[in-house]
Protein backbone atom coordinates (compact mmCIF):
# COMPACT_ATOMS: atom_id res chain seq x y z
CA MET A 1 -0.05 0.00 -0.03
CA ARG A 2 0.91 3.63 -0.51
CA ALA A 3 2.14 5.90 2.35
CA TYR A 4 0.17 8.84 3.80
CA THR A 5 2.17 11.96 4.39
CA LEU A 6 2.00 13.68 7.66
CA LEU A 7 1.72 17.59 7.43
CA ILE A 8 2.44 19.57 10.68
CA ASP A 9 1.89 23.34 10.08
CA GLY A 10 1.95 22.72 6.44
CA ALA A 11 5.38 21.00 6.30
CA PRO A 12 5.85 17.21 5.68
CA ARG A 13 7.01 15.54 8.71
CA GLY A 14 7.02 11.84 7.74
CA ALA A 15 5.19 9.15 5.98
CA ILE A 16 3.09 6.28 7.28
CA LYS A 17 1.62 3.06 5.74
CA GLN A 18 -1.16 0.82 6.94
CA GLY A 19 -0.39 -0.72 10.26
CA GLU A 20 2.55 1.48 11.04
CA THR A 21 3.02 4.04 13.78
CA LEU A 22 5.06 7.32 13.63
CA GLU A 23 6.15 9.38 16.54
CA VAL A 24 6.96 13.03 16.07
CA GLU A 25 8.14 15.65 18.70
CA LEU A 26 6.43 19.06 18.59
CA THR A 27 7.59 22.25 20.23
CA PRO A 28 5.02 23.72 22.78
CA GLY A 29 1.87 25.53 21.47
CA ASP A 30 -0.80 24.63 19.06
CA HIS A 31 0.00 22.91 15.61
CA ARG A 32 -2.15 22.22 12.64
CA VAL A 33 -2.07 18.45 11.70
CA ARG A 34 -3.24 17.15 8.37
CA MET A 35 -2.62 13.95 6.37
CA LYS A 36 -2.12 13.83 2.66
CA ILE A 37 -1.92 11.33 -0.25
CA ASP A 38 -1.43 12.60 -3.75
CA TRP A 39 -4.09 15.45 -4.21
CA ALA A 40 -6.30 14.17 -1.49
CA THR A 41 -6.10 15.18 2.36
CA SER A 42 -7.79 14.98 5.58
CA ALA A 43 -9.57 17.68 7.46
CA GLU A 44 -7.07 19.72 9.71
CA LEU A 45 -6.85 18.85 13.40
CA VAL A 46 -5.28 21.28 15.96
CA VAL A 47 -3.16 19.59 18.68
CA SER A 48 -0.98 20.91 21.41
CA GLY A 49 2.70 20.16 21.37
CA ALA A 50 2.78 20.43 25.30
CA GLN A 51 0.92 16.98 25.64
CA ASP A 52 1.03 13.49 24.04
CA VAL A 53 -1.61 13.05 21.32
CA LYS A 54 -2.37 9.83 19.58
CA LEU A 55 -4.09 10.16 16.19
CA SER A 56 -5.30 7.57 13.72
CA CYS A 57 -6.06 7.80 9.88
CA ARG A 58 -7.73 5.85 7.33
CA SER A 59 -9.30 6.21 4.00
CA ASN A 60 -12.71 7.89 4.32
CA ALA A 61 -13.88 6.93 0.89
CA ASN A 62 -16.22 4.04 0.04
CA PRO A 63 -16.24 2.30 -3.28
CA PHE A 64 -19.68 3.78 -4.11
CA LEU A 65 -18.63 7.33 -3.59
CA ILE A 66 -15.15 7.25 -4.65
CA LEU A 67 -15.48 9.67 -7.60
CA LEU A 68 -16.90 12.23 -5.14
CA TYR A 69 -14.12 11.81 -2.76
CA ILE A 70 -11.40 12.10 -5.38
CA THR A 71 -12.92 15.26 -7.03
CA LEU A 72 -15.33 17.37 -4.81
CA TRP A 73 -14.59 15.94 -1.41
CA ARG A 74 -10.81 15.54 -1.71
CA GLY A 75 -10.38 17.57 1.54
CA ARG A 76 -12.24 14.77 3.35
CA TYR A 77 -10.73 11.74 1.56
CA ILE A 78 -8.58 10.71 4.65
CA ARG A 79 -10.20 10.41 8.08
CA LEU A 80 -7.90 11.87 10.81
CA GLU A 81 -9.09 11.51 14.31
CA ARG A 82 -7.91 11.38 17.96
CA ALA A 83 -7.26 7.69 18.85
């Protein structure tokens, strides 16, 4: 499978594939986190660098709506949420 790219404050900070984990240290303060694959992304989450945060991601698209997710809803193609 292909890897999702982890974006923190708009900058790539690593990549992750299915079943993998990734640990990233953040500076104190709030940070904007998003996942990306090709042209599709997740919604943005705001996390604090002062605490441990666990997130999970997966594809949000289902086979019946895939054309909508890769065109109109590409900003919601990946589901990123607190674990």
